[in-house]
Amino acid sequence: MASPSNAPALEARSLTLSWDGGRSIVVRDISLTVASGEVVCIVGRSGCGKTTILHALSGLTKPLEGQVLLHGTDVSGVPGRVSYMLQKDLLIPSKRIIDNVCLPLVIAGTPKQEARAKAAPLFERFGLEGTERQWPAQLSGGMRQRAAFLRTYLMGNDVALLDEPFSALDAITRVDLRSWYCSMASELGMASVVITHDVDEAVTMADRIYVLEGNPRGGVPTTLAGEVKVPRAEALASSDVDDFALTPEYVAIKRRVLELLG
């Protein structure tokens, strides 16, 4: 597994965020970084504002305070600069898989045949060989999610924001796919920010975990409870990602994350 670069690909500085234009604060003074080839997970209880943070990182919302920097450039409130993958695969039932994954290219103005030619060589690399002419309904949940990952990659950005991308999958598929994604993100040099409420998923995927605390709906803005580093790259240099869950290091890191969650 390749080691991530030390330079931040994406950085959030002292973000303060609101749901309603500033009348109530959801997130207060949160900073984070993610480097190229690195997987960072954000963990917190339901309703604490994890997706709100992702919206700010993607440029869909502008922070009340603070900045979002992409390779050192301020992109606060500027959408379309990073790739964003939602929880559901959102494949269009009436389009074949090749045309589903090509959508970012076509929307950007690439002719359909040229877009297909660009996407086709990547099907094998993403474990989708032979599905090009199939319909979404013909694919398993895991294969549909691989197609969604390929579509996200074809957005052409080197930073990917993933909002609970494995939560709709069965347990076995989830383990296989998150292991595959970590290897693929490292190979491609993509910086990944993954939102999850699953502590086990965070510890087996992340190079670093940001743990949130707070209850915005109860009037307590979310803040950063702590950052936990995971020695995943070193521990798994010649092993599968989820083998890490069998080690004492895994247990200690999970305990620390749970302590921070309260």
Protein backbone atom coordinates (compact mmCIF):
# COMPACT_ATOMS: atom_id res chain seq x y z
CA MET A 1 0.00 0.00 0.00
CA ALA A 2 1.48 3.31 -1.02
CA SER A 3 2.15 5.90 1.65
CA PRO A 4 0.13 9.12 1.36
CA SER A 5 1.82 12.42 0.64
CA ASN A 6 2.31 14.72 3.62
CA ALA A 7 0.95 17.79 1.81
CA PRO A 8 -2.80 18.29 2.30
CA ALA A 9 -4.88 17.76 -0.82
CA LEU A 10 -7.92 19.08 1.07
CA GLU A 11 -7.90 21.15 4.23
CA ALA A 12 -10.63 22.62 6.40
CA ARG A 13 -9.63 25.46 8.70
CA SER A 14 -11.76 26.34 11.72
CA LEU A 15 -15.13 25.66 10.05
CA THR A 16 -18.27 26.96 11.70
CA LEU A 17 -21.43 25.80 9.93
CA SER A 18 -25.18 26.35 10.16
CA TRP A 19 -28.33 24.66 8.85
CA ASP A 20 -30.35 27.87 8.71
CA GLY A 21 -28.16 30.74 7.60
CA GLY A 22 -26.59 31.40 10.97
CA ARG A 23 -29.54 31.38 13.36
CA SER A 24 -28.31 28.11 14.90
CA ILE A 25 -24.77 26.74 14.85
CA VAL A 26 -24.38 23.07 13.87
CA VAL A 27 -20.60 22.75 13.75
CA ARG A 28 -18.13 24.99 15.53
CA ASP A 29 -14.38 25.42 14.86
CA ILE A 30 -13.57 22.12 13.14
CA SER A 31 -10.29 21.66 11.27
CA LEU A 32 -9.12 18.64 9.32
CA THR A 33 -6.76 17.63 6.52
CA VAL A 34 -6.49 14.76 4.04
CA ALA A 35 -3.44 14.02 1.89
CA SER A 36 -3.22 12.40 -1.53
CA GLY A 37 -3.62 8.63 -1.22
CA GLU A 38 -4.93 8.96 2.33
CA VAL A 39 -8.28 7.76 3.68
CA VAL A 40 -9.69 9.89 6.49
CA CYS A 41 -12.88 8.91 8.29
CA ILE A 42 -15.20 11.25 10.17
CA VAL A 43 -17.09 9.45 12.94
CA GLY A 44 -19.92 10.79 15.05
CA ARG A 45 -23.37 9.98 16.33
CA SER A 46 -26.43 10.37 14.11
CA GLY A 47 -27.50 13.99 13.74
CA CYS A 48 -24.19 15.52 14.82
CA GLY A 49 -23.56 17.23 11.49
CA LYS A 50 -21.28 14.84 9.59
CA THR A 51 -23.06 15.38 6.28
CA THR A 52 -23.14 19.14 6.94
CA ILE A 53 -19.34 19.04 7.10
CA LEU A 54 -19.23 17.08 3.84
CA HIS A 55 -21.45 19.69 2.18
CA ALA A 56 -19.00 22.40 3.24
CA LEU A 57 -16.00 20.40 1.98
CA SER A 58 -17.75 19.89 -1.36
CA GLY A 59 -18.60 23.57 -1.76
CA LEU A 60 -22.35 22.97 -1.65
CA THR A 61 -22.56 25.26 1.37
CA LYS A 62 -20.31 28.13 2.43
CA PRO A 63 -19.07 28.15 6.02
CA LEU A 64 -20.09 30.97 8.33
CA GLU A 65 -16.47 31.07 9.42
CA GLY A 66 -13.30 29.32 8.27
CA GLN A 67 -11.98 28.11 4.94
CA VAL A 68 -11.87 25.03 2.73
CA LEU A 69 -8.61 24.74 0.79
CA LEU A 70 -8.00 22.46 -2.20
CA HIS A 71 -4.27 22.10 -2.86
CA GLY A 72 -3.81 25.40 -1.05
CA THR A 73 -6.50 27.33 -2.97
CA ASP A 74 -9.56 28.65 -1.14
CA VAL A 75 -12.64 26.91 -2.61
CA SER A 76 -15.10 27.74 0.18
CA GLY A 77 -18.62 27.70 -1.27
CA VAL A 78 -17.38 26.70 -4.74
CA PRO A 79 -18.99 23.41 -5.89
CA GLY A 80 -17.66 20.99 -8.48
CA ARG A 81 -14.03 20.99 -7.38
CA VAL A 82 -14.10 17.61 -5.61
CA SER A 83 -15.90 14.32 -6.30
CA TYR A 84 -18.91 13.60 -4.07
CA MET A 85 -20.50 10.15 -3.71
CA LEU A 86 -23.77 9.77 -1.84
CA GLN A 87 -24.88 6.79 0.23
CA LYS A 88 -27.02 5.30 -2.55
CA ASP A 89 -25.49 4.38 -5.90
CA LEU A 90 -28.11 6.46 -7.78
CA LEU A 91 -27.59 4.55 -11.03
CA ILE A 92 -30.21 5.43 -13.65
CA PRO A 93 -32.29 2.28 -14.35
CA SER A 94 -32.86 3.16 -18.01
CA LYS A 95 -29.16 3.52 -18.83
CA ARG A 96 -26.64 0.71 -19.31
CA ILE A 97 -23.72 0.61 -16.90
CA ILE A 98 -21.26 2.08 -19.41
CA ASP A 99 -23.53 5.10 -19.88
CA ASN A 100 -24.16 5.44 -16.15
CA VAL A 101 -20.47 5.70 -15.32
CA CYS A 102 -19.88 8.07 -18.26
CA LEU A 103 -22.40 10.64 -17.03
CA PRO A 104 -19.81 13.04 -15.50
CA LEU A 105 -17.93 13.13 -18.80
CA VAL A 106 -21.06 13.64 -20.90
CA ILE A 107 -22.37 16.37 -18.58
CA ALA A 108 -18.99 18.09 -18.93
CA GLY A 109 -19.44 18.13 -22.71
CA THR A 110 -17.56 15.02 -23.86
CA PRO A 111 -19.32 13.29 -26.81
CA LYS A 112 -20.95 10.01 -25.77
CA GLN A 113 -18.73 7.73 -27.88
CA GLU A 114 -15.58 9.46 -26.68
CA ALA A 115 -16.78 9.18 -23.07
CA ARG A 116 -17.44 5.48 -23.51
CA ALA A 117 -13.97 4.98 -25.02
CA LYS A 118 -12.39 6.72 -22.02
CA ALA A 119 -14.38 4.71 -19.46
CA ALA A 120 -14.19 1.26 -21.05
CA PRO A 121 -10.53 0.49 -20.16
CA LEU A 122 -11.27 1.18 -16.50
CA PHE A 123 -13.96 -1.50 -16.13
CA GLU A 124 -11.45 -4.28 -15.49
CA ARG A 125 -9.49 -2.16 -13.04
CA PHE A 126 -12.66 -1.47 -11.04
CA GLY A 127 -13.78 -5.12 -11.06
CA LEU A 128 -16.60 -4.44 -13.53
CA GLU A 129 -15.36 -6.28 -16.63
CA GLY A 130 -18.28 -7.73 -18.61
CA THR A 131 -20.93 -5.42 -17.14
CA GLU A 132 -20.61 -2.61 -19.68
CA ARG A 133 -23.83 -3.45 -21.54
CA GLN A 134 -25.81 -4.63 -18.53
CA TRP A 135 -28.59 -2.69 -16.81
CA PRO A 136 -28.33 -1.62 -13.14
CA ALA A 137 -31.05 -4.11 -12.15
CA GLN A 138 -28.81 -6.95 -13.36
CA LEU A 139 -26.00 -6.10 -10.93
CA SER A 140 -25.56 -7.03 -7.28
CA GLY A 141 -25.39 -4.30 -4.66
CA GLY A 142 -21.61 -4.54 -4.50
CA MET A 143 -21.22 -4.31 -8.27
CA ARG A 144 -23.58 -1.34 -8.42
CA GLN A 145 -21.45 0.40 -5.81
CA ARG A 146 -18.29 -0.32 -7.81
CA ALA A 147 -19.99 1.32 -10.79
CA ALA A 148 -20.80 4.32 -8.59
CA PHE A 149 -17.14 4.50 -7.51
CA LEU A 150 -16.03 4.45 -11.15
CA ARG A 151 -18.51 7.22 -11.97
CA THR A 152 -17.11 9.23 -9.03
CA TYR A 153 -13.55 8.68 -10.28
CA LEU A 154 -14.51 9.87 -13.76
CA MET A 155 -15.55 13.20 -12.30
CA GLY A 156 -11.84 13.90 -12.76
CA ASN A 157 -11.01 15.16 -9.28
CA ASP A 158 -8.32 13.76 -7.01
CA VAL A 159 -10.34 14.29 -3.82
CA ALA A 160 -13.38 12.10 -3.10
CA LEU A 161 -16.03 12.70 -0.43
CA LEU A 162 -18.00 9.56 0.45
CA ASP A 163 -21.16 9.71 2.56
CA GLU A 164 -21.60 6.28 4.23
CA PRO A 165 -20.87 4.48 0.93
CA PHE A 166 -21.07 0.93 2.32
CA SER A 167 -24.03 1.17 4.71
CA ALA A 168 -26.59 -0.30 2.28
CA LEU A 169 -24.52 -3.44 1.58
CA ASP A 170 -24.59 -6.80 3.35
CA ALA A 171 -21.79 -7.45 5.86
CA ILE A 172 -19.62 -9.69 3.67
CA THR A 173 -19.85 -7.42 0.63
CA ARG A 174 -19.14 -4.40 2.83
CA VAL A 175 -15.90 -5.95 4.13
CA ASP A 176 -14.73 -6.92 0.63
CA LEU A 177 -15.60 -3.56 -0.92
CA ARG A 178 -14.04 -1.33 1.69
CA SER A 179 -10.81 -3.35 1.47
CA TRP A 180 -10.88 -2.95 -2.30
CA TYR A 181 -11.61 0.77 -2.07
CA CYS A 182 -8.66 1.44 0.27
CA SER A 183 -6.27 -0.30 -2.13
CA MET A 184 -7.75 1.47 -5.15
CA ALA A 185 -7.64 4.93 -3.53
CA SER A 186 -4.01 4.40 -2.57
CA GLU A 187 -3.11 3.15 -6.05
CA LEU A 188 -4.83 6.11 -7.73
CA GLY A 189 -3.47 8.65 -5.24
CA MET A 190 -6.95 9.84 -4.33
CA ALA A 191 -7.54 11.71 -1.09
CA SER A 192 -10.71 10.30 0.49
CA VAL A 193 -12.94 11.64 3.26
CA VAL A 194 -15.41 8.97 4.40
CA ILE A 195 -18.39 9.74 6.64
CA THR A 196 -19.46 6.81 8.81
CA HIS A 197 -21.09 6.06 12.15
CA ASP A 198 -19.57 2.55 12.11
CA VAL A 199 -16.48 2.55 14.34
CA ASP A 200 -15.25 -0.81 13.03
CA GLU A 201 -15.47 0.47 9.46
CA ALA A 202 -13.51 3.59 10.37
CA VAL A 203 -10.72 1.70 12.14
CA THR A 204 -10.28 -0.81 9.30
CA MET A 205 -10.35 1.85 6.56
CA ALA A 206 -8.77 5.01 7.85
CA ASP A 207 -5.25 6.32 8.08
CA ARG A 208 -6.70 8.86 10.51
CA ILE A 209 -10.07 9.21 12.25
CA TYR A 210 -11.69 12.50 13.28
CA VAL A 211 -14.18 11.93 16.12
CA LEU A 212 -17.02 14.41 16.61
CA GLU A 213 -19.02 15.22 19.71
CA GLY A 214 -22.08 17.38 20.22
CA ASN A 215 -25.84 17.44 19.73
CA PRO A 216 -26.88 20.34 17.45
CA ARG A 217 -30.57 19.44 17.70
CA GLY A 218 -30.23 19.76 21.47
CA GLY A 219 -28.53 23.12 21.16
CA VAL A 220 -24.94 21.88 21.58
CA PRO A 221 -22.85 22.54 18.44
CA THR A 222 -20.63 19.75 17.24
CA THR A 223 -16.91 20.11 17.88
CA LEU A 224 -13.89 17.91 17.34
CA ALA A 225 -13.44 15.47 20.22
CA GLY A 226 -10.11 14.22 18.93
CA GLU A 227 -8.03 12.77 16.12
CA VAL A 228 -6.89 9.15 16.15
CA LYS A 229 -4.07 7.93 13.94
CA VAL A 230 -4.27 4.38 12.56
CA PRO A 231 -0.99 2.63 11.62
CA ARG A 232 -2.84 0.81 8.85
CA ALA A 233 -0.33 1.33 6.03
CA GLU A 234 2.55 -0.09 8.05
CA ALA A 235 0.59 -2.90 9.71
CA LEU A 236 -0.95 -4.05 6.44
CA ALA A 237 2.00 -3.73 4.06
CA SER A 238 1.54 -7.35 3.00
CA SER A 239 -1.89 -8.14 4.39
CA ASP A 240 -5.59 -7.59 3.78
CA VAL A 241 -7.18 -4.47 5.26
CA ASP A 242 -9.65 -6.37 7.46
CA ASP A 243 -6.97 -8.66 8.93
CA PHE A 244 -6.16 -5.60 11.02
CA ALA A 245 -9.39 -6.24 12.97
CA LEU A 246 -7.74 -9.34 14.48
CA THR A 247 -4.83 -7.45 16.04
CA PRO A 248 -4.35 -5.92 19.51
CA GLU A 249 -3.60 -2.58 17.83
CA TYR A 250 -7.09 -2.59 16.33
CA VAL A 251 -8.72 -3.19 19.72
CA ALA A 252 -6.74 -0.35 21.31
CA ILE A 253 -7.64 2.11 18.54
CA LYS A 254 -11.31 1.15 18.63
CA ARG A 255 -11.37 1.63 22.40
CA ARG A 256 -9.86 5.11 21.98
CA VAL A 257 -12.46 6.11 19.38
CA LEU A 258 -15.29 4.87 21.61
CA GLU A 259 -13.86 6.84 24.54
CA LEU A 260 -13.88 10.01 22.46
CA LEU A 261 -17.45 9.37 21.33
CA GLY A 262 -18.45 9.16 24.98
